[in-house]
Amino acid sequence: RTATVWKTLSPFWGEEYEVQLQPNFHSVSIYVMDEDALSRDDVIGKVCITRDMLAEHPKGYSGWVSLSEVDPDEEVQGEIHLRVEVQGKQGDRRLLCCTVLEAR
C-alpha cells in the first residue's frame, strides 16, 4: 500500500515494490483507491499485470496503463503510470520490481 496523496487528481508516488512471483502465476493486480477518513475506502479501479504482458516486454515495461473496473456497475476513468521489470530468480520464483509513479 502506498502513502496517501491528498487533494489531487494527479497524485505522484514514486514508490517501488518487489513481489515474488509464484512459478504458475497468472497476474498481479494493483488497486487504485480513494481513501476516506470517516468511511471505508473506495476502489477506483485496478490494473492487472499479466504473465503475457511481462513476456511481451522482456526488458520491462514503463508507461501509462488504463484502469479497469472492479465493480461492473461502476464507470472507471483514469490511468496509472507504472514501471515493471522481472529482475531475476530466487529459487524457482521470479522477482517482479514494480514502481508506482503517478496517476491521473
PDB file of N, CA and C in Angstrom:
ATOM      1  N   ARG A   1       0.851  -1.177   0.000  1.00  0.00           N
ATOM      2  CA  ARG A   1       0.000   0.000   0.000  1.00  0.00           C
ATOM      3  C   ARG A   1       0.894   1.237   0.000  1.00  0.00           C
ATOM      4  N   THR A   2       0.624   2.143  -0.910  1.00  0.00           N
ATOM      5  CA  THR A   2       1.409   3.376  -0.980  1.00  0.00           C
ATOM      6  C   THR A   2       0.921   4.361   0.071  1.00  0.00           C
ATOM      7  N   ALA A   3       1.668   5.425   0.223  1.00  0.00           N
ATOM      8  CA  ALA A   3       1.220   6.531   1.057  1.00  0.00           C
ATOM      9  C   ALA A   3       0.041   7.203   0.369  1.00  0.00           C
ATOM     10  N   THR A   4      -0.813   7.839   1.135  1.00  0.00           N
ATOM     11  CA  THR A   4      -1.951   8.566   0.582  1.00  0.00           C
ATOM     12  C   THR A   4      -1.492   9.941   0.112  1.00  0.00           C
ATOM     13  N   VAL A   5      -1.932  10.310  -1.083  1.00  0.00           N
ATOM     14  CA  VAL A   5      -1.671  11.651  -1.613  1.00  0.00           C
ATOM     15  C   VAL A   5      -3.012  12.370  -1.588  1.00  0.00           C
ATOM     16  N   TRP A   6      -3.120  13.403  -0.781  1.00  0.00           N
ATOM     17  CA  TRP A   6      -4.388  14.080  -0.528  1.00  0.00           C
ATOM     18  C   TRP A   6      -4.650  15.205  -1.518  1.00  0.00           C
ATOM     19  N   LYS A   7      -5.928  15.415  -1.816  1.00  0.00           N
ATOM     20  CA  LYS A   7      -6.464  16.578  -2.521  1.00  0.00           C
ATOM     21  C   LYS A   7      -5.831  16.845  -3.885  1.00  0.00           C
ATOM     22  N   THR A   8      -5.713  15.781  -4.705  1.00  0.00           N
ATOM     23  CA  THR A   8      -5.232  15.954  -6.066  1.00  0.00           C
ATOM     24  C   THR A   8      -5.813  14.857  -6.943  1.00  0.00           C
ATOM     25  N   LEU A   9      -6.056  15.192  -8.199  1.00  0.00           N
ATOM     26  CA  LEU A   9      -6.494  14.196  -9.172  1.00  0.00           C
ATOM     27  C   LEU A   9      -5.314  13.658  -9.977  1.00  0.00           C
ATOM     28  N   SER A  10      -4.113  14.151  -9.690  1.00  0.00           N
ATOM     29  CA  SER A  10      -2.905  13.689 -10.376  1.00  0.00           C
ATOM     30  C   SER A  10      -1.808  13.408  -9.347  1.00  0.00           C
ATOM     31  N   PRO A  11      -1.993  12.382  -8.511  1.00  0.00           N
ATOM     32  CA  PRO A  11      -1.003  12.121  -7.458  1.00  0.00           C
ATOM     33  C   PRO A  11       0.310  11.572  -8.005  1.00  0.00           C
ATOM     34  N   PHE A  12       1.392  11.845  -7.289  1.00  0.00           N
ATOM     35  CA  PHE A  12       2.716  11.295  -7.588  1.00  0.00           C
ATOM     36  C   PHE A  12       3.172  10.499  -6.377  1.00  0.00           C
ATOM     37  N   TRP A  13       3.669   9.291  -6.609  1.00  0.00           N
ATOM     38  CA  TRP A  13       4.173   8.447  -5.515  1.00  0.00           C
ATOM     39  C   TRP A  13       5.667   8.181  -5.647  1.00  0.00           C
ATOM     40  N   GLY A  14       6.090   7.572  -6.740  1.00  0.00           N
ATOM     41  CA  GLY A  14       7.485   7.201  -6.906  1.00  0.00           C
ATOM     42  C   GLY A  14       7.914   6.096  -5.949  1.00  0.00           C
ATOM     43  N   GLU A  15       6.990   5.206  -5.586  1.00  0.00           N
ATOM     44  CA  GLU A  15       7.289   4.134  -4.637  1.00  0.00           C
ATOM     45  C   GLU A  15       7.549   2.826  -5.378  1.00  0.00           C
ATOM     46  N   GLU A  16       8.535   2.084  -4.887  1.00  0.00           N
ATOM     47  CA  GLU A  16       8.937   0.840  -5.534  1.00  0.00           C
ATOM     48  C   GLU A  16       8.615  -0.348  -4.639  1.00  0.00           C
ATOM     49  N   TYR A  17       8.130  -1.427  -5.262  1.00  0.00           N
ATOM     50  CA  TYR A  17       7.771  -2.646  -4.544  1.00  0.00           C
ATOM     51  C   TYR A  17       8.368  -3.844  -5.255  1.00  0.00           C
ATOM     52  N   GLU A  18       8.718  -4.862  -4.488  1.00  0.00           N
ATOM     53  CA  GLU A  18       9.182  -6.120  -5.058  1.00  0.00           C
ATOM     54  C   GLU A  18       8.224  -7.222  -4.633  1.00  0.00           C
ATOM     55  N   VAL A  19       7.860  -8.059  -5.605  1.00  0.00           N
ATOM     56  CA  VAL A  19       6.920  -9.150  -5.364  1.00  0.00           C
ATOM     57  C   VAL A  19       7.545 -10.434  -5.885  1.00  0.00           C
ATOM     58  N   GLN A  20       7.517 -11.483  -5.076  1.00  0.00           N
ATOM     59  CA  GLN A  20       7.959 -12.790  -5.553  1.00  0.00           C
ATOM     60  C   GLN A  20       6.816 -13.442  -6.292  1.00  0.00           C
ATOM     61  N   LEU A  21       7.046 -13.778  -7.550  1.00  0.00           N
ATOM     62  CA  LEU A  21       6.015 -14.393  -8.377  1.00  0.00           C
ATOM     63  C   LEU A  21       6.070 -15.904  -8.223  1.00  0.00           C
ATOM     64  N   GLN A  22       4.933 -16.505  -8.002  1.00  0.00           N
ATOM     65  CA  GLN A  22       4.844 -17.960  -7.974  1.00  0.00           C
ATOM     66  C   GLN A  22       5.149 -18.492  -9.375  1.00  0.00           C
ATOM     67  N   PRO A  23       5.709 -19.693  -9.495  1.00  0.00           N
ATOM     68  CA  PRO A  23       6.020 -20.235 -10.830  1.00  0.00           C
ATOM     69  C   PRO A  23       4.809 -20.316 -11.753  1.00  0.00           C
ATOM     70  N   ASN A  24       3.615 -20.499 -11.206  1.00  0.00           N
ATOM     71  CA  ASN A  24       2.423 -20.644 -12.036  1.00  0.00           C
ATOM     72  C   ASN A  24       1.499 -19.426 -11.965  1.00  0.00           C
ATOM     73  N   PHE A  25       2.037 -18.232 -11.661  1.00  0.00           N
ATOM     74  CA  PHE A  25       1.190 -17.046 -11.512  1.00  0.00           C
ATOM     75  C   PHE A  25       0.557 -16.674 -12.854  1.00  0.00           C
ATOM     76  N   HIS A  26      -0.627 -16.059 -12.788  1.00  0.00           N
ATOM     77  CA  HIS A  26      -1.316 -15.590 -13.994  1.00  0.00           C
ATOM     78  C   HIS A  26      -1.297 -14.072 -14.085  1.00  0.00           C
ATOM     79  N   SER A  27      -1.479 -13.399 -12.943  1.00  0.00           N
ATOM     80  CA  SER A  27      -1.468 -11.938 -12.957  1.00  0.00           C
ATOM     81  C   SER A  27      -1.238 -11.396 -11.550  1.00  0.00           C
ATOM     82  N   VAL A  28      -0.797 -10.139 -11.505  1.00  0.00           N
ATOM     83  CA  VAL A  28      -0.662  -9.379 -10.268  1.00  0.00           C
ATOM     84  C   VAL A  28      -1.551  -8.157 -10.431  1.00  0.00           C
ATOM     85  N   SER A  29      -2.422  -7.906  -9.472  1.00  0.00           N
ATOM     86  CA  SER A  29      -3.357  -6.777  -9.567  1.00  0.00           C
ATOM     87  C   SER A  29      -2.921  -5.637  -8.658  1.00  0.00           C
ATOM     88  N   ILE A  30      -3.041  -4.428  -9.178  1.00  0.00           N
ATOM     89  CA  ILE A  30      -2.775  -3.212  -8.418  1.00  0.00           C
ATOM     90  C   ILE A  30      -4.088  -2.442  -8.355  1.00  0.00           C
ATOM     91  N   TYR A  31      -4.544  -2.178  -7.139  1.00  0.00           N
ATOM     92  CA  TYR A  31      -5.801  -1.468  -6.940  1.00  0.00           C
ATOM     93  C   TYR A  31      -5.525   0.001  -6.632  1.00  0.00           C
ATOM     94  N   VAL A  32      -6.289   0.885  -7.267  1.00  0.00           N
ATOM     95  CA  VAL A  32      -6.209   2.319  -7.020  1.00  0.00           C
ATOM     96  C   VAL A  32      -7.428   2.683  -6.177  1.00  0.00           C
ATOM     97  N   MET A  33      -7.159   3.317  -5.039  1.00  0.00           N
ATOM     98  CA  MET A  33      -8.233   3.587  -4.085  1.00  0.00           C
ATOM     99  C   MET A  33      -8.290   5.062  -3.719  1.00  0.00           C
ATOM    100  N   ASP A  34      -9.464   5.470  -3.308  1.00  0.00           N
ATOM    101  CA  ASP A  34      -9.703   6.812  -2.788  1.00  0.00           C
ATOM    102  C   ASP A  34      -9.891   6.649  -1.284  1.00  0.00           C
ATOM    103  N   GLU A  35      -8.940   7.157  -0.506  1.00  0.00           N
ATOM    104  CA  GLU A  35      -9.014   6.987   0.947  1.00  0.00           C
ATOM    105  C   GLU A  35     -10.020   7.964   1.544  1.00  0.00           C
ATOM    106  N   ASP A  36     -10.893   7.428   2.358  1.00  0.00           N
ATOM    107  CA  ASP A  36     -11.884   8.235   3.064  1.00  0.00           C
ATOM    108  C   ASP A  36     -11.564   8.204   4.551  1.00  0.00           C
ATOM    109  N   ALA A  37     -11.533   9.375   5.178  1.00  0.00           N
ATOM    110  CA  ALA A  37     -11.172   9.451   6.592  1.00  0.00           C
ATOM    111  C   ALA A  37     -12.261   8.897   7.501  1.00  0.00           C
ATOM    112  N   LEU A  38     -13.514   9.070   7.124  1.00  0.00           N
ATOM    113  CA  LEU A  38     -14.607   8.698   8.016  1.00  0.00           C
ATOM    114  C   LEU A  38     -15.360   7.439   7.602  1.00  0.00           C
ATOM    115  N   SER A  39     -15.071   6.892   6.440  1.00  0.00           N
ATOM    116  CA  SER A  39     -15.764   5.687   5.993  1.00  0.00           C
ATOM    117  C   SER A  39     -14.786   4.761   5.272  1.00  0.00           C
ATOM    118  N   ARG A  40     -15.318   3.694   4.745  1.00  0.00           N
ATOM    119  CA  ARG A  40     -14.480   2.723   4.053  1.00  0.00           C
ATOM    120  C   ARG A  40     -13.894   3.326   2.781  1.00  0.00           C
ATOM    121  N   ASP A  41     -12.648   2.975   2.455  1.00  0.00           N
ATOM    122  CA  ASP A  41     -12.004   3.478   1.244  1.00  0.00           C
ATOM    123  C   ASP A  41     -12.739   2.966   0.004  1.00  0.00           C
ATOM    124  N   ASP A  42     -12.808   3.801  -1.036  1.00  0.00           N
ATOM    125  CA  ASP A  42     -13.467   3.434  -2.287  1.00  0.00           C
ATOM    126  C   ASP A  42     -12.434   2.915  -3.277  1.00  0.00           C
ATOM    127  N   VAL A  43     -12.742   1.826  -3.951  1.00  0.00           N
ATOM    128  CA  VAL A  43     -11.886   1.313  -5.017  1.00  0.00           C
ATOM    129  C   VAL A  43     -12.249   2.054  -6.293  1.00  0.00           C
ATOM    130  N   ILE A  44     -11.267   2.744  -6.887  1.00  0.00           N
ATOM    131  CA  ILE A  44     -11.492   3.496  -8.120  1.00  0.00           C
ATOM    132  C   ILE A  44     -11.380   2.564  -9.321  1.00  0.00           C
ATOM    133  N   GLY A  45     -10.405   1.683  -9.301  1.00  0.00           N
ATOM    134  CA  GLY A  45     -10.181   0.750 -10.401  1.00  0.00           C
ATOM    135  C   GLY A  45      -8.949  -0.089 -10.121  1.00  0.00           C
ATOM    136  N   LYS A  46      -8.575  -0.900 -11.105  1.00  0.00           N
ATOM    137  CA  LYS A  46      -7.400  -1.746 -10.929  1.00  0.00           C
ATOM    138  C   LYS A  46      -6.660  -1.915 -12.240  1.00  0.00           C
ATOM    139  N   VAL A  47      -5.430  -2.366 -12.121  1.00  0.00           N
ATOM    140  CA  VAL A  47      -4.583  -2.709 -13.254  1.00  0.00           C
ATOM    141  C   VAL A  47      -4.080  -4.123 -13.003  1.00  0.00           C
ATOM    142  N   CYS A  48      -4.139  -4.963 -14.031  1.00  0.00           N
ATOM    143  CA  CYS A  48      -3.605  -6.319 -13.915  1.00  0.00           C
ATOM    144  C   CYS A  48      -2.337  -6.427 -14.748  1.00  0.00           C
ATOM    145  N   ILE A  49      -1.265  -6.846 -14.107  1.00  0.00           N
ATOM    146  CA  ILE A  49      -0.010  -7.130 -14.804  1.00  0.00           C
ATOM    147  C   ILE A  49      -0.012  -8.636 -15.042  1.00  0.00           C
ATOM    148  N   THR A  50      -0.149  -9.036 -16.297  1.00  0.00           N
ATOM    149  CA  THR A  50      -0.292 -10.447 -16.619  1.00  0.00           C
ATOM    150  C   THR A  50       1.038 -11.074 -17.024  1.00  0.00           C
ATOM    151  N   ARG A  51       1.052 -12.381 -16.980  1.00  0.00           N
ATOM    152  CA  ARG A  51       2.218 -13.145 -17.447  1.00  0.00           C
ATOM    153  C   ARG A  51       2.512 -12.793 -18.903  1.00  0.00           C
ATOM    154  N   ASP A  52       1.444 -12.665 -19.731  1.00  0.00           N
ATOM    155  CA  ASP A  52       1.620 -12.328 -21.152  1.00  0.00           C
ATOM    156  C   ASP A  52       2.238 -10.944 -21.330  1.00  0.00           C
ATOM    157  N   MET A  53       1.818  -9.974 -20.519  1.00  0.00           N
ATOM    158  CA  MET A  53       2.378  -8.622 -20.606  1.00  0.00           C
ATOM    159  C   MET A  53       3.875  -8.642 -20.318  1.00  0.00           C
ATOM    160  N   LEU A  54       4.262  -9.393 -19.296  1.00  0.00           N
ATOM    161  CA  LEU A  54       5.691  -9.482 -18.965  1.00  0.00           C
ATOM    162  C   LEU A  54       6.469 -10.188 -20.057  1.00  0.00           C
ATOM    163  N   ALA A  55       5.862 -11.199 -20.690  1.00  0.00           N
ATOM    164  CA  ALA A  55       6.534 -11.918 -21.778  1.00  0.00           C
ATOM    165  C   ALA A  55       6.709 -11.017 -23.006  1.00  0.00           C
ATOM    166  N   GLU A  56       5.741 -10.111 -23.251  1.00  0.00           N
ATOM    167  CA  GLU A  56       5.824  -9.188 -24.384  1.00  0.00           C
ATOM    168  C   GLU A  56       6.893  -8.120 -24.184  1.00  0.00           C
ATOM    169  N   HIS A  57       7.277  -7.867 -22.936  1.00  0.00           N
ATOM    170  CA  HIS A  57       8.257  -6.828 -22.607  1.00  0.00           C
ATOM    171  C   HIS A  57       9.360  -7.442 -21.744  1.00  0.00           C
ATOM    172  N   PRO A  58      10.226  -8.275 -22.329  1.00  0.00           N
ATOM    173  CA  PRO A  58      11.238  -8.975 -21.524  1.00  0.00           C
ATOM    174  C   PRO A  58      12.240  -8.043 -20.830  1.00  0.00           C
ATOM    175  N   LYS A  59      12.396  -6.811 -21.322  1.00  0.00           N
ATOM    176  CA  LYS A  59      13.304  -5.858 -20.678  1.00  0.00           C
ATOM    177  C   LYS A  59      12.572  -4.916 -19.747  1.00  0.00           C
ATOM    178  N   GLY A  60      11.298  -5.197 -19.507  1.00  0.00           N
ATOM    179  CA  GLY A  60      10.491  -4.376 -18.621  1.00  0.00           C
ATOM    180  C   GLY A  60       9.545  -3.479 -19.403  1.00  0.00           C
ATOM    181  N   TYR A  61       8.601  -2.895 -18.684  1.00  0.00           N
ATOM    182  CA  TYR A  61       7.598  -2.013 -19.276  1.00  0.00           C
ATOM    183  C   TYR A  61       7.516  -0.750 -18.437  1.00  0.00           C
ATOM    184  N   SER A  62       7.420   0.378 -19.101  1.00  0.00           N
ATOM    185  CA  SER A  62       7.199   1.640 -18.419  1.00  0.00           C
ATOM    186  C   SER A  62       6.199   2.432 -19.241  1.00  0.00           C
ATOM    187  N   GLY A  63       5.085   2.805 -18.623  1.00  0.00           N
ATOM    188  CA  GLY A  63       4.105   3.593 -19.348  1.00  0.00           C
ATOM    189  C   GLY A  63       2.804   3.701 -18.591  1.00  0.00           C
ATOM    190  N   TRP A  64       1.858   4.360 -19.226  1.00  0.00           N
ATOM    191  CA  TRP A  64       0.523   4.577 -18.661  1.00  0.00           C
ATOM    192  C   TRP A  64      -0.342   3.385 -18.983  1.00  0.00           C
ATOM    193  N   VAL A  65      -1.083   2.918 -17.982  1.00  0.00           N
ATOM    194  CA  VAL A  65      -1.996   1.785 -18.133  1.00  0.00           C
ATOM    195  C   VAL A  65      -3.373   2.236 -17.654  1.00  0.00           C
ATOM    196  N   SER A  66      -4.392   2.017 -18.487  1.00  0.00           N
ATOM    197  CA  SER A  66      -5.755   2.400 -18.119  1.00  0.00           C
ATOM    198  C   SER A  66      -6.292   1.507 -17.012  1.00  0.00           C
ATOM    199  N   LEU A  67      -7.050   2.119 -16.115  1.00  0.00           N
ATOM    200  CA  LEU A  67      -7.690   1.360 -15.050  1.00  0.00           C
ATOM    201  C   LEU A  67      -8.874   0.587 -15.616  1.00  0.00           C
ATOM    202  N   SER A  68      -9.104  -0.596 -15.074  1.00  0.00           N
ATOM    203  CA  SER A  68     -10.294  -1.364 -15.424  1.00  0.00           C
ATOM    204  C   SER A  68     -11.194  -1.429 -14.197  1.00  0.00           C
ATOM    205  N   GLU A  69     -12.458  -1.751 -14.425  1.00  0.00           N
ATOM    206  CA  GLU A  69     -13.410  -1.741 -13.322  1.00  0.00           C
ATOM    207  C   GLU A  69     -13.230  -2.950 -12.425  1.00  0.00           C
ATOM    208  N   VAL A  70     -13.564  -2.752 -11.161  1.00  0.00           N
ATOM    209  CA  VAL A  70     -13.627  -3.831 -10.181  1.00  0.00           C
ATOM    210  C   VAL A  70     -15.086  -4.227 -10.015  1.00  0.00           C
ATOM    211  N   ASP A  71     -15.954  -3.228  -9.966  1.00  0.00           N
ATOM    212  CA  ASP A  71     -17.401  -3.435  -9.860  1.00  0.00           C
ATOM    213  C   ASP A  71     -18.008  -3.155 -11.236  1.00  0.00           C
ATOM    214  N   PRO A  72     -18.671  -4.147 -11.853  1.00  0.00           N
ATOM    215  CA  PRO A  72     -19.206  -3.934 -13.201  1.00  0.00           C
ATOM    216  C   PRO A  72     -20.264  -2.842 -13.289  1.00  0.00           C
ATOM    217  N   ASP A  73     -20.829  -2.412 -12.159  1.00  0.00           N
ATOM    218  CA  ASP A  73     -21.835  -1.354 -12.164  1.00  0.00           C
ATOM    219  C   ASP A  73     -21.234   0.045 -12.059  1.00  0.00           C
ATOM    220  N   GLU A  74     -19.921   0.135 -11.900  1.00  0.00           N
ATOM    221  CA  GLU A  74     -19.253   1.430 -11.739  1.00  0.00           C
ATOM    222  C   GLU A  74     -18.476   1.789 -13.003  1.00  0.00           C
ATOM    223  N   GLU A  75     -18.567   3.061 -13.410  1.00  0.00           N
ATOM    224  CA  GLU A  75     -17.774   3.548 -14.529  1.00  0.00           C
ATOM    225  C   GLU A  75     -16.367   3.879 -14.026  1.00  0.00           C
ATOM    226  N   VAL A  76     -15.357   3.547 -14.814  1.00  0.00           N
ATOM    227  CA  VAL A  76     -13.976   3.775 -14.412  1.00  0.00           C
ATOM    228  C   VAL A  76     -13.309   4.721 -15.397  1.00  0.00           C
ATOM    229  N   GLN A  77     -12.645   5.730 -14.857  1.00  0.00           N
ATOM    230  CA  GLN A  77     -11.832   6.628 -15.662  1.00  0.00           C
ATOM    231  C   GLN A  77     -10.502   6.780 -14.953  1.00  0.00           C
ATOM    232  N   GLY A  78      -9.458   6.910 -15.712  1.00  0.00           N
ATOM    233  CA  GLY A  78      -8.149   7.150 -15.129  1.00  0.00           C
ATOM    234  C   GLY A  78      -7.126   6.157 -15.605  1.00  0.00           C
ATOM    235  N   GLU A  79      -5.893   6.495 -15.316  1.00  0.00           N
ATOM    236  CA  GLU A  79      -4.779   5.621 -15.672  1.00  0.00           C
ATOM    237  C   GLU A  79      -3.659   5.827 -14.678  1.00  0.00           C
ATOM    238  N   ILE A  80      -2.757   4.853 -14.634  1.00  0.00           N
ATOM    239  CA  ILE A  80      -1.659   4.877 -13.689  1.00  0.00           C
ATOM    240  C   ILE A  80      -0.356   4.644 -14.449  1.00  0.00           C
ATOM    241  N   HIS A  81       0.675   5.357 -14.065  1.00  0.00           N
ATOM    242  CA  HIS A  81       1.986   5.235 -14.701  1.00  0.00           C
ATOM    243  C   HIS A  81       2.823   4.253 -13.878  1.00  0.00           C
ATOM    244  N   LEU A  82       3.169   3.131 -14.491  1.00  0.00           N
ATOM    245  CA  LEU A  82       3.922   2.073 -13.819  1.00  0.00           C
ATOM    246  C   LEU A  82       5.206   1.773 -14.551  1.00  0.00           C
ATOM    247  N   ARG A  83       6.153   1.256 -13.808  1.00  0.00           N
ATOM    248  CA  ARG A  83       7.364   0.664 -14.384  1.00  0.00           C
ATOM    249  C   ARG A  83       7.471  -0.722 -13.762  1.00  0.00           C
ATOM    250  N   VAL A  84       7.461  -1.766 -14.587  1.00  0.00           N
ATOM    251  CA  VAL A  84       7.548  -3.136 -14.087  1.00  0.00           C
ATOM    252  C   VAL A  84       8.682  -3.860 -14.799  1.00  0.00           C
ATOM    253  N   GLU A  85       9.365  -4.716 -14.037  1.00  0.00           N
ATOM    254  CA  GLU A  85      10.506  -5.436 -14.585  1.00  0.00           C
ATOM    255  C   GLU A  85      10.726  -6.704 -13.770  1.00  0.00           C
ATOM    256  N   VAL A  86      10.917  -7.820 -14.475  1.00  0.00           N
ATOM    257  CA  VAL A  86      11.300  -9.056 -13.801  1.00  0.00           C
ATOM    258  C   VAL A  86      12.812  -9.001 -13.630  1.00  0.00           C
ATOM    259  N   GLN A  87      13.278  -9.105 -12.383  1.00  0.00           N
ATOM    260  CA  GLN A  87      14.693  -8.875 -12.089  1.00  0.00           C
ATOM    261  C   GLN A  87      15.504 -10.132 -11.859  1.00  0.00           C
ATOM    262  N   GLY A  88      14.942 -11.279 -12.017  1.00  0.00           N
ATOM    263  CA  GLY A  88      15.725 -12.496 -11.826  1.00  0.00           C
ATOM    264  C   GLY A  88      14.961 -13.499 -11.013  1.00  0.00           C
ATOM    265  N   LYS A  89      15.678 -14.479 -10.540  1.00  0.00           N
ATOM    266  CA  LYS A  89      15.039 -15.572  -9.816  1.00  0.00           C
ATOM    267  C   LYS A  89      15.595 -15.706  -8.418  1.00  0.00           C
ATOM    268  N   GLN A  90      14.725 -16.151  -7.509  1.00  0.00           N
ATOM    269  CA  GLN A  90      15.113 -16.564  -6.168  1.00  0.00           C
ATOM    270  C   GLN A  90      14.578 -17.981  -6.018  1.00  0.00           C
ATOM    271  N   GLY A  91      15.436 -18.955  -6.242  1.00  0.00           N
ATOM    272  CA  GLY A  91      14.984 -20.333  -6.263  1.00  0.00           C
ATOM    273  C   GLY A  91      14.158 -20.565  -7.515  1.00  0.00           C
ATOM    274  N   ASP A  92      12.949 -21.083  -7.358  1.00  0.00           N
ATOM    275  CA  ASP A  92      12.070 -21.305  -8.509  1.00  0.00           C
ATOM    276  C   ASP A  92      11.108 -20.148  -8.734  1.00  0.00           C
ATOM    277  N   ARG A  93      11.253 -19.060  -7.984  1.00  0.00           N
ATOM    278  CA  ARG A  93      10.365 -17.897  -8.116  1.00  0.00           C
ATOM    279  C   ARG A  93      11.094 -16.736  -8.781  1.00  0.00           C
ATOM    280  N   ARG A  94      10.343 -15.996  -9.591  1.00  0.00           N
ATOM    281  CA  ARG A  94      10.896 -14.786 -10.200  1.00  0.00           C
ATOM    282  C   ARG A  94      10.540 -13.594  -9.339  1.00  0.00           C
ATOM    283  N   LEU A  95      11.371 -12.557  -9.384  1.00  0.00           N
ATOM    284  CA  LEU A  95      11.167 -11.345  -8.599  1.00  0.00           C
ATOM    285  C   LEU A  95      10.696 -10.234  -9.526  1.00  0.00           C
ATOM    286  N   LEU A  96       9.514  -9.676  -9.234  1.00  0.00           N
ATOM    287  CA  LEU A  96       8.946  -8.583 -10.014  1.00  0.00           C
ATOM    288  C   LEU A  96       9.172  -7.285  -9.255  1.00  0.00           C
ATOM    289  N   CYS A  97       9.820  -6.331  -9.900  1.00  0.00           N
ATOM    290  CA  CYS A  97      10.006  -4.994  -9.349  1.00  0.00           C
ATOM    291  C   CYS A  97       8.978  -4.083 -10.002  1.00  0.00           C
ATOM    292  N   CYS A  98       8.139  -3.451  -9.204  1.00  0.00           N
ATOM    293  CA  CYS A  98       7.083  -2.574  -9.717  1.00  0.00           C
ATOM    294  C   CYS A  98       7.230  -1.203  -9.055  1.00  0.00           C
ATOM    295  N   THR A  99       7.356  -0.175  -9.862  1.00  0.00           N
ATOM    296  CA  THR A  99       7.407   1.189  -9.370  1.00  0.00           C
ATOM    297  C   THR A  99       6.112   1.894  -9.737  1.00  0.00           C
ATOM    298  N   VAL A 100       5.395   2.369  -8.727  1.00  0.00           N
ATOM    299  CA  VAL A 100       4.163   3.124  -8.927  1.00  0.00           C
ATOM    300  C   VAL A 100       4.568   4.586  -8.978  1.00  0.00           C
ATOM    301  N   LEU A 101       4.471   5.201 -10.142  1.00  0.00           N
ATOM    302  CA  LEU A 101       4.967   6.558 -10.314  1.00  0.00           C
ATOM    303  C   LEU A 101       3.892   7.613 -10.062  1.00  0.00           C
ATOM    304  N   GLU A 102       2.839   7.626 -10.864  1.00  0.00           N
ATOM    305  CA  GLU A 102       1.824   8.658 -10.735  1.00  0.00           C
ATOM    306  C   GLU A 102       0.517   8.173 -11.347  1.00  0.00           C
ATOM    307  N   ALA A 103      -0.518   8.947 -11.185  1.00  0.00           N
ATOM    308  CA  ALA A 103      -1.830   8.605 -11.751  1.00  0.00           C
ATOM    309  C   ALA A 103      -2.521   9.867 -12.219  1.00  0.00           C
ATOM    310  N   ARG A 104      -3.532   9.628 -13.052  1.00  0.00           N
ATOM    311  CA  ARG A 104      -4.369  10.756 -13.485  1.00  0.00           C
ATOM    312  C   ARG A 104      -5.758  10.251 -13.825  1.00  0.00           C
TER     313      ARG A 104
END
